[in-house]
Amino acid sequence: MPLVYADTSALFAWFYPLDQFSPGVDEAVKAQPPDFVYWPLVRFELRHNLRRLKGDKYGAIAWRALRAAEKTASRLRWQGELTADKMLDSAEELSAERAAETGCGSSDVIHEAAARRVHLLAGLDEFWTCDEAQAELARASGLPTRLFNLQSRL
C-alpha cells in the first residue's frame, strides 16, 4: 500500500461525498488504495469539519465512516512520532524559511512539516491536497504531490 499524507482538504473530500473534490479523490483511492497518515492535528481538523455538518444526512454518514475507520485503522495509519511539540518546532523552522514566499496559512505549514517528517522516516509516496498553495509548498519541499482540483481526474 502506498503511504499518502492527505491534508484535511483531501481527507474531508474522501469521507464527505458531497464535497466538490470528492470525485477526484475517490478515483485516486480506487486506482491505488493508499494508507493515509493520521495524527492528532489531522484527526482534530477532520473531526471538526465533519461536526460542522450536523444535520446534514451525508455529514452524518461521513462521521460514522470516519469513526469506523479510526476504530479499525482501515486506511488511517497512526503516526505516533508526529507529536504536537515536534511538529510545531518543525513548522516554526519551515515558516522561517518559506513564509515570505508561500500563500499557505499556519496550519498548512504544520501539515507540510509533518509530511516532510514522515517522508524522511517512512518514505512517503505522495502528498495529496485540494489547495493550490499547499501543493506549491509541498512541491518546493521535494514531496511527490497530487493536487485535486475541479478539473483533475486520474
N, C-alpha and C. Protein backbone atom coordinates (compact mmCIF):
# COMPACT_ATOMS: atom_id res chain seq x y z
N MET A 1 0.83 -1.18 0.00
CA MET A 1 0.00 0.00 0.00
C MET A 1 0.88 1.25 0.00
N PRO A 2 0.59 2.18 -0.88
CA PRO A 2 1.32 3.44 -0.82
C PRO A 2 0.96 4.21 0.46
N LEU A 3 1.91 4.95 0.98
CA LEU A 3 1.68 5.79 2.15
C LEU A 3 1.50 7.22 1.65
N VAL A 4 0.34 7.80 1.97
CA VAL A 4 -0.03 9.13 1.48
C VAL A 4 -0.32 10.05 2.66
N TYR A 5 0.25 11.24 2.60
CA TYR A 5 -0.15 12.29 3.54
C TYR A 5 -1.20 13.10 2.81
N ALA A 6 -2.43 12.97 3.24
CA ALA A 6 -3.52 13.76 2.67
C ALA A 6 -3.83 14.86 3.67
N ASP A 7 -3.73 16.12 3.23
CA ASP A 7 -4.10 17.16 4.16
C ASP A 7 -5.61 17.08 4.39
N THR A 8 -6.12 17.89 5.28
CA THR A 8 -7.52 17.77 5.67
C THR A 8 -8.46 18.01 4.50
N SER A 9 -8.09 18.86 3.56
CA SER A 9 -8.98 19.11 2.41
C SER A 9 -9.20 17.82 1.62
N ALA A 10 -8.15 17.04 1.42
CA ALA A 10 -8.28 15.80 0.66
C ALA A 10 -8.98 14.71 1.47
N LEU A 11 -8.65 14.58 2.76
CA LEU A 11 -9.33 13.57 3.58
C LEU A 11 -10.82 13.88 3.74
N PHE A 12 -11.14 15.15 3.91
CA PHE A 12 -12.54 15.54 4.01
C PHE A 12 -13.29 15.13 2.74
N ALA A 13 -12.67 15.39 1.60
CA ALA A 13 -13.31 15.02 0.32
C ALA A 13 -13.48 13.51 0.20
N TRP A 14 -12.59 12.74 0.78
CA TRP A 14 -12.72 11.29 0.72
C TRP A 14 -13.89 10.81 1.58
N PHE A 15 -14.08 11.41 2.74
CA PHE A 15 -15.16 10.98 3.62
C PHE A 15 -16.51 11.59 3.27
N TYR A 16 -16.54 12.83 2.79
CA TYR A 16 -17.80 13.53 2.55
C TYR A 16 -18.12 13.54 1.05
N PRO A 17 -19.07 12.72 0.62
CA PRO A 17 -19.31 12.55 -0.82
C PRO A 17 -19.83 13.78 -1.55
N LEU A 18 -20.35 14.78 -0.83
CA LEU A 18 -20.85 15.98 -1.49
C LEU A 18 -19.79 17.06 -1.65
N ASP A 19 -18.58 16.82 -1.17
CA ASP A 19 -17.51 17.79 -1.36
C ASP A 19 -17.18 17.89 -2.84
N GLN A 20 -16.88 19.07 -3.29
CA GLN A 20 -16.62 19.28 -4.72
C GLN A 20 -15.41 18.50 -5.23
N PHE A 21 -14.49 18.15 -4.36
CA PHE A 21 -13.29 17.42 -4.77
C PHE A 21 -13.43 15.92 -4.58
N SER A 22 -14.55 15.48 -4.05
CA SER A 22 -14.75 14.06 -3.74
C SER A 22 -14.57 13.14 -4.95
N PRO A 23 -15.11 13.45 -6.11
CA PRO A 23 -14.94 12.52 -7.24
C PRO A 23 -13.47 12.25 -7.59
N GLY A 24 -12.64 13.28 -7.60
CA GLY A 24 -11.23 13.09 -7.93
C GLY A 24 -10.49 12.29 -6.87
N VAL A 25 -10.76 12.59 -5.62
CA VAL A 25 -10.11 11.86 -4.53
C VAL A 25 -10.56 10.40 -4.54
N ASP A 26 -11.86 10.18 -4.72
CA ASP A 26 -12.38 8.80 -4.76
C ASP A 26 -11.74 8.00 -5.89
N GLU A 27 -11.59 8.62 -7.05
CA GLU A 27 -10.96 7.93 -8.18
C GLU A 27 -9.52 7.53 -7.84
N ALA A 28 -8.79 8.44 -7.20
CA ALA A 28 -7.40 8.15 -6.84
C ALA A 28 -7.32 7.01 -5.83
N VAL A 29 -8.23 6.99 -4.86
CA VAL A 29 -8.23 5.92 -3.85
C VAL A 29 -8.57 4.59 -4.50
N LYS A 30 -9.52 4.59 -5.41
CA LYS A 30 -9.90 3.35 -6.09
C LYS A 30 -8.78 2.84 -7.00
N ALA A 31 -8.05 3.74 -7.63
CA ALA A 31 -6.99 3.34 -8.56
C ALA A 31 -5.84 2.65 -7.85
N GLN A 32 -5.46 3.16 -6.70
CA GLN A 32 -4.37 2.55 -5.93
C GLN A 32 -4.61 2.88 -4.46
N PRO A 33 -5.35 2.03 -3.75
CA PRO A 33 -5.74 2.33 -2.37
C PRO A 33 -4.54 2.60 -1.46
N PRO A 34 -4.48 3.81 -0.89
CA PRO A 34 -3.36 4.15 -0.02
C PRO A 34 -3.68 3.94 1.45
N ASP A 35 -2.65 3.96 2.25
CA ASP A 35 -2.79 4.16 3.69
C ASP A 35 -2.53 5.65 3.90
N PHE A 36 -3.40 6.29 4.68
CA PHE A 36 -3.26 7.72 4.94
C PHE A 36 -2.58 7.95 6.28
N VAL A 37 -1.65 8.88 6.30
CA VAL A 37 -1.01 9.32 7.53
C VAL A 37 -2.10 9.95 8.41
N TYR A 38 -2.13 9.53 9.67
CA TYR A 38 -3.15 10.04 10.60
C TYR A 38 -2.46 10.38 11.90
N TRP A 39 -2.68 11.57 12.37
CA TRP A 39 -2.05 12.04 13.61
C TRP A 39 -2.97 13.08 14.25
N PRO A 40 -2.65 13.55 15.47
CA PRO A 40 -3.60 14.39 16.20
C PRO A 40 -4.13 15.61 15.46
N LEU A 41 -3.31 16.34 14.73
CA LEU A 41 -3.81 17.52 14.02
C LEU A 41 -4.81 17.14 12.94
N VAL A 42 -4.48 16.15 12.14
CA VAL A 42 -5.39 15.71 11.08
C VAL A 42 -6.69 15.21 11.70
N ARG A 43 -6.57 14.42 12.75
CA ARG A 43 -7.77 13.90 13.42
C ARG A 43 -8.65 15.04 13.91
N PHE A 44 -8.06 16.04 14.57
CA PHE A 44 -8.84 17.17 15.07
C PHE A 44 -9.50 17.93 13.92
N GLU A 45 -8.73 18.31 12.91
CA GLU A 45 -9.29 19.10 11.80
C GLU A 45 -10.40 18.35 11.08
N LEU A 46 -10.18 17.07 10.82
CA LEU A 46 -11.19 16.29 10.11
C LEU A 46 -12.45 16.13 10.94
N ARG A 47 -12.29 15.77 12.20
CA ARG A 47 -13.47 15.65 13.07
C ARG A 47 -14.21 16.98 13.18
N HIS A 48 -13.47 18.07 13.37
CA HIS A 48 -14.10 19.39 13.50
C HIS A 48 -14.93 19.73 12.25
N ASN A 49 -14.33 19.54 11.09
CA ASN A 49 -15.02 19.88 9.84
C ASN A 49 -16.24 18.99 9.60
N LEU A 50 -16.16 17.73 9.98
CA LEU A 50 -17.33 16.86 9.83
C LEU A 50 -18.41 17.21 10.86
N ARG A 51 -18.02 17.60 12.06
CA ARG A 51 -19.01 18.02 13.07
C ARG A 51 -19.79 19.25 12.61
N ARG A 52 -19.19 20.08 11.81
CA ARG A 52 -19.86 21.28 11.31
C ARG A 52 -21.02 20.93 10.39
N LEU A 53 -21.08 19.69 9.93
CA LEU A 53 -22.14 19.25 9.02
C LEU A 53 -23.33 18.68 9.78
N LYS A 54 -23.42 18.96 11.06
CA LYS A 54 -24.51 18.43 11.88
C LYS A 54 -25.86 18.76 11.20
N GLY A 55 -26.70 17.75 11.11
CA GLY A 55 -27.99 17.92 10.46
C GLY A 55 -27.98 17.56 8.98
N ASP A 56 -26.81 17.41 8.41
CA ASP A 56 -26.66 17.02 7.00
C ASP A 56 -26.61 15.50 6.94
N LYS A 57 -27.51 14.89 6.17
CA LYS A 57 -27.57 13.43 6.08
C LYS A 57 -26.22 12.82 5.69
N TYR A 58 -25.58 13.40 4.69
CA TYR A 58 -24.30 12.86 4.24
C TYR A 58 -23.18 13.17 5.22
N GLY A 59 -23.33 14.26 5.96
CA GLY A 59 -22.38 14.57 7.02
C GLY A 59 -22.42 13.52 8.11
N ALA A 60 -23.62 13.06 8.45
CA ALA A 60 -23.76 12.01 9.48
C ALA A 60 -23.14 10.70 8.98
N ILE A 61 -23.33 10.40 7.72
CA ILE A 61 -22.74 9.19 7.14
C ILE A 61 -21.21 9.31 7.14
N ALA A 62 -20.71 10.48 6.77
CA ALA A 62 -19.26 10.70 6.76
C ALA A 62 -18.69 10.56 8.17
N TRP A 63 -19.40 11.09 9.17
CA TRP A 63 -18.94 10.98 10.55
C TRP A 63 -18.84 9.52 10.98
N ARG A 64 -19.88 8.74 10.66
CA ARG A 64 -19.86 7.31 11.03
C ARG A 64 -18.74 6.57 10.30
N ALA A 65 -18.52 6.91 9.05
CA ALA A 65 -17.44 6.27 8.28
C ALA A 65 -16.07 6.61 8.88
N LEU A 66 -15.89 7.86 9.27
CA LEU A 66 -14.62 8.24 9.90
C LEU A 66 -14.42 7.48 11.19
N ARG A 67 -15.42 7.45 12.05
CA ARG A 67 -15.29 6.77 13.34
C ARG A 67 -15.01 5.27 13.14
N ALA A 68 -15.63 4.66 12.16
CA ALA A 68 -15.37 3.25 11.87
C ALA A 68 -13.93 3.06 11.39
N ALA A 69 -13.47 3.96 10.53
CA ALA A 69 -12.10 3.87 10.03
C ALA A 69 -11.09 4.07 11.16
N GLU A 70 -11.40 4.94 12.09
CA GLU A 70 -10.50 5.16 13.23
C GLU A 70 -10.42 3.91 14.12
N LYS A 71 -11.53 3.25 14.30
CA LYS A 71 -11.56 2.07 15.17
C LYS A 71 -10.85 0.88 14.55
N THR A 72 -10.96 0.75 13.24
CA THR A 72 -10.37 -0.41 12.57
C THR A 72 -8.99 -0.11 11.98
N ALA A 73 -8.60 1.15 12.02
CA ALA A 73 -7.35 1.60 11.38
C ALA A 73 -7.37 1.30 9.89
N SER A 74 -8.57 1.23 9.33
CA SER A 74 -8.73 0.99 7.91
C SER A 74 -8.32 2.23 7.11
N ARG A 75 -7.22 2.13 6.45
CA ARG A 75 -6.67 3.20 5.63
C ARG A 75 -6.08 4.36 6.41
N LEU A 76 -6.29 4.44 7.71
CA LEU A 76 -5.72 5.51 8.52
C LEU A 76 -4.58 4.94 9.35
N ARG A 77 -3.35 5.30 9.01
CA ARG A 77 -2.19 4.75 9.70
C ARG A 77 -1.68 5.78 10.72
N TRP A 78 -1.87 5.47 11.99
CA TRP A 78 -1.49 6.37 13.07
C TRP A 78 0.01 6.57 13.09
N GLN A 79 0.43 7.82 13.23
CA GLN A 79 1.84 8.19 13.26
C GLN A 79 2.18 8.78 14.63
N GLY A 80 2.54 7.92 15.56
CA GLY A 80 2.81 8.34 16.92
C GLY A 80 3.99 9.28 17.07
N GLU A 81 4.91 9.26 16.11
CA GLU A 81 6.07 10.14 16.21
C GLU A 81 5.73 11.59 15.84
N LEU A 82 4.55 11.81 15.29
CA LEU A 82 4.12 13.17 14.95
C LEU A 82 3.40 13.77 16.16
N THR A 83 4.18 14.31 17.05
CA THR A 83 3.60 14.93 18.24
C THR A 83 3.50 16.43 18.01
N ALA A 84 2.59 17.06 18.72
CA ALA A 84 2.35 18.49 18.54
C ALA A 84 3.62 19.31 18.76
N ASP A 85 4.35 19.02 19.82
CA ASP A 85 5.54 19.82 20.10
C ASP A 85 6.60 19.68 19.01
N LYS A 86 6.84 18.46 18.54
CA LYS A 86 7.82 18.26 17.47
C LYS A 86 7.38 18.95 16.17
N MET A 87 6.10 18.81 15.85
CA MET A 87 5.63 19.36 14.58
C MET A 87 5.56 20.88 14.62
N LEU A 88 5.23 21.45 15.78
CA LEU A 88 5.23 22.91 15.89
C LEU A 88 6.64 23.45 15.76
N ASP A 89 7.62 22.78 16.35
CA ASP A 89 9.01 23.21 16.20
C ASP A 89 9.45 23.12 14.74
N SER A 90 9.11 22.02 14.08
CA SER A 90 9.47 21.85 12.67
C SER A 90 8.76 22.87 11.80
N ALA A 91 7.50 23.13 12.10
CA ALA A 91 6.73 24.12 11.33
C ALA A 91 7.30 25.52 11.53
N GLU A 92 7.77 25.81 12.73
CA GLU A 92 8.40 27.11 13.00
C GLU A 92 9.62 27.30 12.12
N GLU A 93 10.43 26.25 11.99
CA GLU A 93 11.61 26.32 11.14
C GLU A 93 11.22 26.50 9.67
N LEU A 94 10.22 25.73 9.24
CA LEU A 94 9.76 25.85 7.85
C LEU A 94 9.19 27.23 7.58
N SER A 95 8.44 27.76 8.52
CA SER A 95 7.89 29.10 8.38
C SER A 95 9.00 30.13 8.25
N ALA A 96 10.04 29.99 9.06
CA ALA A 96 11.17 30.93 8.97
C ALA A 96 11.83 30.88 7.60
N GLU A 97 11.86 29.70 7.00
CA GLU A 97 12.47 29.53 5.68
C GLU A 97 11.58 30.05 4.55
N ARG A 98 10.26 29.80 4.65
CA ARG A 98 9.41 29.97 3.47
C ARG A 98 8.21 30.89 3.61
N ALA A 99 7.97 31.48 4.76
CA ALA A 99 6.75 32.27 4.98
C ALA A 99 6.58 33.37 3.93
N ALA A 100 7.65 34.04 3.58
CA ALA A 100 7.55 35.17 2.66
C ALA A 100 7.21 34.75 1.24
N GLU A 101 7.48 33.49 0.90
CA GLU A 101 7.29 33.06 -0.49
C GLU A 101 6.07 32.15 -0.69
N THR A 102 5.29 31.91 0.36
CA THR A 102 4.16 31.00 0.21
C THR A 102 2.84 31.68 0.57
N GLY A 103 1.79 31.22 -0.04
CA GLY A 103 0.45 31.70 0.29
C GLY A 103 -0.22 30.82 1.33
N CYS A 104 0.53 29.90 1.92
CA CYS A 104 -0.02 28.96 2.89
C CYS A 104 -0.25 29.61 4.24
N GLY A 105 -1.30 29.15 4.90
CA GLY A 105 -1.56 29.57 6.26
C GLY A 105 -0.77 28.72 7.24
N SER A 106 -0.89 29.04 8.51
CA SER A 106 -0.09 28.37 9.53
C SER A 106 -0.40 26.87 9.62
N SER A 107 -1.66 26.48 9.53
CA SER A 107 -1.99 25.05 9.58
C SER A 107 -1.39 24.30 8.40
N ASP A 108 -1.37 24.94 7.24
CA ASP A 108 -0.76 24.31 6.07
C ASP A 108 0.73 24.05 6.29
N VAL A 109 1.39 24.98 6.95
CA VAL A 109 2.82 24.81 7.21
C VAL A 109 3.04 23.65 8.20
N ILE A 110 2.15 23.50 9.16
CA ILE A 110 2.25 22.36 10.08
C ILE A 110 2.08 21.05 9.32
N HIS A 111 1.09 20.99 8.42
CA HIS A 111 0.90 19.78 7.60
C HIS A 111 2.15 19.49 6.79
N GLU A 112 2.72 20.52 6.22
CA GLU A 112 3.91 20.35 5.40
C GLU A 112 5.07 19.80 6.24
N ALA A 113 5.26 20.35 7.42
CA ALA A 113 6.33 19.88 8.31
C ALA A 113 6.11 18.41 8.67
N ALA A 114 4.87 18.05 8.95
CA ALA A 114 4.56 16.66 9.29
C ALA A 114 4.81 15.74 8.10
N ALA A 115 4.39 16.16 6.93
CA ALA A 115 4.61 15.33 5.74
C ALA A 115 6.09 15.15 5.46
N ARG A 116 6.87 16.20 5.64
CA ARG A 116 8.32 16.08 5.44
C ARG A 116 8.92 15.09 6.43
N ARG A 117 8.45 15.13 7.66
CA ARG A 117 8.97 14.20 8.70
C ARG A 117 8.64 12.76 8.33
N VAL A 118 7.40 12.51 7.94
CA VAL A 118 7.00 11.15 7.54
C VAL A 118 7.82 10.71 6.33
N HIS A 119 8.02 11.61 5.40
CA HIS A 119 8.81 11.29 4.20
C HIS A 119 10.22 10.84 4.58
N LEU A 120 10.82 11.53 5.53
CA LEU A 120 12.17 11.16 5.98
C LEU A 120 12.19 9.83 6.72
N LEU A 121 11.17 9.59 7.54
CA LEU A 121 11.15 8.39 8.38
C LEU A 121 10.62 7.15 7.69
N ALA A 122 9.60 7.32 6.85
CA ALA A 122 8.90 6.14 6.30
C ALA A 122 8.82 6.11 4.79
N GLY A 123 9.35 7.12 4.12
CA GLY A 123 9.30 7.11 2.67
C GLY A 123 7.91 7.39 2.12
N LEU A 124 7.39 8.54 2.41
CA LEU A 124 6.07 8.95 1.93
C LEU A 124 5.99 8.82 0.41
N ASP A 125 4.92 8.21 -0.07
CA ASP A 125 4.77 8.04 -1.52
C ASP A 125 4.20 9.28 -2.21
N GLU A 126 3.30 9.98 -1.51
CA GLU A 126 2.68 11.13 -2.14
C GLU A 126 2.02 12.03 -1.10
N PHE A 127 1.92 13.30 -1.42
CA PHE A 127 1.21 14.28 -0.62
C PHE A 127 -0.01 14.71 -1.42
N TRP A 128 -1.21 14.59 -0.82
CA TRP A 128 -2.44 14.95 -1.51
C TRP A 128 -3.05 16.18 -0.88
N THR A 129 -3.56 17.07 -1.73
CA THR A 129 -4.24 18.28 -1.27
C THR A 129 -5.20 18.78 -2.33
N CYS A 130 -6.14 19.58 -1.90
CA CYS A 130 -7.06 20.27 -2.81
C CYS A 130 -6.75 21.77 -2.83
N ASP A 131 -5.66 22.16 -2.23
CA ASP A 131 -5.26 23.56 -2.04
C ASP A 131 -4.02 23.85 -2.89
N GLU A 132 -4.15 24.78 -3.83
CA GLU A 132 -3.04 25.08 -4.74
C GLU A 132 -1.80 25.58 -4.02
N ALA A 133 -1.96 26.48 -3.05
CA ALA A 133 -0.81 26.99 -2.32
C ALA A 133 -0.11 25.87 -1.55
N GLN A 134 -0.91 24.98 -0.96
CA GLN A 134 -0.35 23.84 -0.22
C GLN A 134 0.44 22.94 -1.18
N ALA A 135 -0.09 22.71 -2.36
CA ALA A 135 0.60 21.88 -3.34
C ALA A 135 1.92 22.51 -3.76
N GLU A 136 1.94 23.82 -3.94
CA GLU A 136 3.18 24.51 -4.32
C GLU A 136 4.24 24.35 -3.24
N LEU A 137 3.84 24.50 -1.98
CA LEU A 137 4.79 24.36 -0.88
C LEU A 137 5.31 22.93 -0.81
N ALA A 138 4.43 21.96 -0.98
CA ALA A 138 4.86 20.55 -0.94
C ALA A 138 5.85 20.25 -2.07
N ARG A 139 5.55 20.74 -3.24
CA ARG A 139 6.47 20.52 -4.37
C ARG A 139 7.82 21.19 -4.13
N ALA A 140 7.78 22.41 -3.57
CA ALA A 140 9.03 23.12 -3.27
C ALA A 140 9.86 22.38 -2.23
N SER A 141 9.19 21.58 -1.40
CA SER A 141 9.89 20.78 -0.39
C SER A 141 10.38 19.45 -0.95
N GLY A 142 10.08 19.20 -2.22
CA GLY A 142 10.53 17.98 -2.85
C GLY A 142 9.62 16.78 -2.64
N LEU A 143 8.41 17.02 -2.16
CA LEU A 143 7.47 15.92 -1.96
C LEU A 143 6.72 15.61 -3.24
N PRO A 144 6.57 14.34 -3.59
CA PRO A 144 5.71 13.99 -4.72
C PRO A 144 4.29 14.40 -4.35
N THR A 145 3.67 15.23 -5.17
CA THR A 145 2.43 15.90 -4.78
C THR A 145 1.34 15.70 -5.82
N ARG A 146 0.13 15.48 -5.32
CA ARG A 146 -1.05 15.41 -6.19
C ARG A 146 -2.02 16.49 -5.75
N LEU A 147 -2.34 17.39 -6.69
CA LEU A 147 -3.32 18.44 -6.44
C LEU A 147 -4.64 18.04 -7.06
N PHE A 148 -5.67 18.00 -6.24
CA PHE A 148 -7.02 17.74 -6.75
C PHE A 148 -7.70 19.09 -6.93
N ASN A 149 -8.18 19.30 -8.13
CA ASN A 149 -8.99 20.50 -8.38
C ASN A 149 -10.21 20.07 -9.16
N LEU A 150 -11.03 21.02 -9.53
CA LEU A 150 -12.29 20.64 -10.16
C LEU A 150 -12.11 20.00 -11.53
N GLN A 151 -10.97 20.22 -12.16
CA GLN A 151 -10.72 19.61 -13.45
C GLN A 151 -9.93 18.30 -13.34
N SER A 152 -9.41 18.01 -12.16
CA SER A 152 -8.49 16.87 -12.05
C SER A 152 -9.23 15.53 -12.07
N ARG A 153 -8.68 14.67 -12.81
CA ARG A 153 -9.06 13.26 -12.85
C ARG A 153 -7.76 12.52 -13.06
N LEU A 154 -7.73 11.28 -12.72
CA LEU A 154 -6.50 10.50 -12.89
C LEU A 154 -6.11 10.38 -14.35
